[in-house]
C-alpha cells in the first residue's frame, strides 16, 4: 500500500492530464490535491493545498449560495453547472462524487472547472 504522499503524487499526475482546473476537494470545501494549472493561473501553491476551493477560485470567504458542491453533497450525485464569476467571466463546473473518502471519513469529490 502506498503512503499518503505517494497517493497525492499519483492523483496530481492524473489531474495534470486535464488542460484546465482539476482538483479533488472534500465535503468541507478543502482542496485535497489540485493539478498544476491552479498554481500557474491562480498563483496558489499546489503542495499541501491549505485552502478552500472558493478561496482559490472566487477569492471569497465562504461558498457561493449556488455552489454545485453543496448540491452534490446533498444528493450524492454529479452536478454540472455554469456559474458567472465576474462580469464577462463564466465557468463550467462539474462536481463528481468519488467512491473513496479521506482518512477522516469525509466524502471526496472531483471538481473540474473550465472557462466558457
Protein backbone atom coordinates (compact mmCIF):
# COMPACT_ATOMS: atom_id res chain seq x y z
CA UNK A 1 0.00 0.00 0.00
CA UNK A 2 1.28 3.45 -0.90
CA UNK A 3 1.71 6.12 1.73
CA UNK A 4 -0.35 9.32 1.54
CA UNK A 5 2.29 11.43 -0.17
CA UNK A 6 2.71 8.87 -2.97
CA UNK A 7 -1.07 8.78 -3.46
CA UNK A 8 -1.16 12.58 -3.72
CA UNK A 9 1.57 12.50 -6.37
CA UNK A 10 -0.33 9.89 -8.39
CA UNK A 11 -3.56 11.89 -8.05
CA UNK A 12 -1.77 15.07 -9.20
CA UNK A 13 -0.37 13.27 -12.23
CA UNK A 14 -3.89 12.13 -13.17
CA UNK A 15 -5.31 15.65 -12.61
CA UNK A 16 -2.49 17.17 -14.69
CA UNK A 17 -3.92 15.34 -17.72
CA UNK A 18 -6.72 17.95 -17.75
CA UNK A 19 -5.85 21.18 -19.61
CA UNK A 20 -7.99 23.19 -17.18
CA UNK A 21 -8.51 23.39 -13.41
CA UNK A 22 -9.00 19.96 -11.85
CA UNK A 23 -8.93 19.22 -8.14
CA UNK A 24 -10.08 16.78 -5.52
CA UNK A 25 -11.96 18.51 -2.72
CA UNK A 26 -13.60 17.22 0.43
CA UNK A 27 -17.07 17.90 1.79
CA UNK A 28 -15.64 20.76 3.88
CA UNK A 29 -14.65 22.56 0.62
CA UNK A 30 -10.95 21.95 1.31
CA UNK A 31 -8.69 21.30 -1.66
CA UNK A 32 -7.01 17.94 -1.08
CA UNK A 33 -4.95 17.98 -4.27
CA UNK A 34 -5.04 20.13 -7.40
CA UNK A 35 -3.39 19.99 -10.77
CA UNK A 36 -0.55 22.36 -11.57
CA UNK A 37 -2.96 24.51 -13.62
CA UNK A 38 -4.10 26.05 -10.31
CA UNK A 39 -0.61 27.26 -9.41
CA UNK A 40 0.05 28.59 -12.91
CA UNK A 41 -3.21 30.51 -13.27
CA UNK A 42 -4.27 31.50 -9.75
CA UNK A 43 -0.88 31.91 -8.06
CA UNK A 44 -1.86 29.31 -5.47
CA UNK A 45 0.53 26.68 -4.11
CA UNK A 46 -0.19 23.15 -5.26
CA UNK A 47 1.63 21.30 -2.49
CA UNK A 48 -0.31 20.91 0.72
CA UNK A 49 -3.34 22.82 -0.57
CA UNK A 50 -4.17 24.54 2.75
CA UNK A 51 -7.13 26.47 1.37
CA UNK A 52 -10.78 26.14 0.41
CA UNK A 53 -11.79 25.88 -3.22
CA UNK A 54 -13.90 29.05 -3.02
CA UNK A 55 -10.87 30.98 -1.72
CA UNK A 56 -8.70 29.83 -4.62
CA UNK A 57 -11.24 30.27 -7.40
CA UNK A 58 -13.52 33.12 -6.32
CA UNK A 59 -11.37 34.87 -3.70
CA UNK A 60 -14.34 34.55 -1.34
CA UNK A 61 -14.55 33.92 2.40
CA UNK A 62 -17.36 31.40 2.09
CA UNK A 63 -19.02 29.18 -0.53
CA UNK A 64 -21.42 30.74 -3.02
CA UNK A 65 -25.11 30.08 -2.47
CA UNK A 66 -25.28 28.42 -5.89
CA UNK A 67 -22.19 26.28 -5.33
CA UNK A 68 -22.59 22.92 -7.08
CA UNK A 69 -20.60 21.14 -4.35
CA UNK A 70 -23.37 21.78 -1.81
CA UNK A 71 -25.90 20.14 -4.14
CA UNK A 72 -23.60 17.19 -4.84
CA UNK A 73 -23.03 16.65 -1.11
CA UNK A 74 -26.78 16.71 -0.52
CA UNK A 75 -27.71 14.40 -3.43
CA UNK A 76 -24.53 12.31 -3.72
CA UNK A 77 -24.87 12.78 -7.48
CA UNK A 78 -22.81 14.60 -10.11
CA UNK A 79 -23.68 18.25 -10.66
CA UNK A 80 -22.71 20.27 -13.71
CA UNK A 81 -23.42 23.98 -13.85
CA UNK A 82 -22.29 27.20 -15.49
CA UNK A 83 -21.52 29.97 -12.99
CA UNK A 84 -20.92 33.63 -13.65
CA UNK A 85 -17.89 34.57 -11.55
CA UNK A 86 -17.39 38.15 -12.73
CA UNK A 87 -18.64 40.41 -15.49
CA UNK A 88 -17.95 38.64 -18.76
CA UNK A 89 -16.43 35.63 -17.00
CA UNK A 90 -18.18 32.28 -16.64
CA UNK A 91 -17.01 28.85 -15.55
CA UNK A 92 -18.42 25.47 -16.47
CA UNK A 93 -18.11 23.48 -13.23
CA UNK A 94 -18.57 19.75 -12.79
CA UNK A 95 -18.61 18.13 -9.35
CA UNK A 96 -18.39 14.34 -9.29
CA UNK A 97 -18.64 12.30 -6.05
CA UNK A 98 -15.80 9.80 -5.68
CA UNK A 99 -16.23 6.31 -4.29
CA UNK A 100 -13.49 6.85 -1.73
CA UNK A 101 -13.25 9.15 1.27
CA UNK A 102 -10.35 10.73 3.05
CA UNK A 103 -8.67 9.19 6.13
CA UNK A 104 -11.02 11.18 8.39
CA UNK A 105 -14.10 9.73 6.69
CA UNK A 106 -15.07 12.84 4.74
CA UNK A 107 -16.52 12.46 1.24
CA UNK A 108 -14.28 13.39 -1.68
CA UNK A 109 -15.27 14.97 -4.99
CA UNK A 110 -13.63 15.55 -8.34
CA UNK A 111 -14.04 19.23 -9.24
CA UNK A 112 -13.47 20.23 -12.87
CA UNK A 113 -13.65 23.87 -13.97
CA UNK A 114 -13.11 25.48 -17.33
CA UNK A 115 -13.83 28.90 -18.80
CA UNK A 116 -16.72 29.23 -21.19
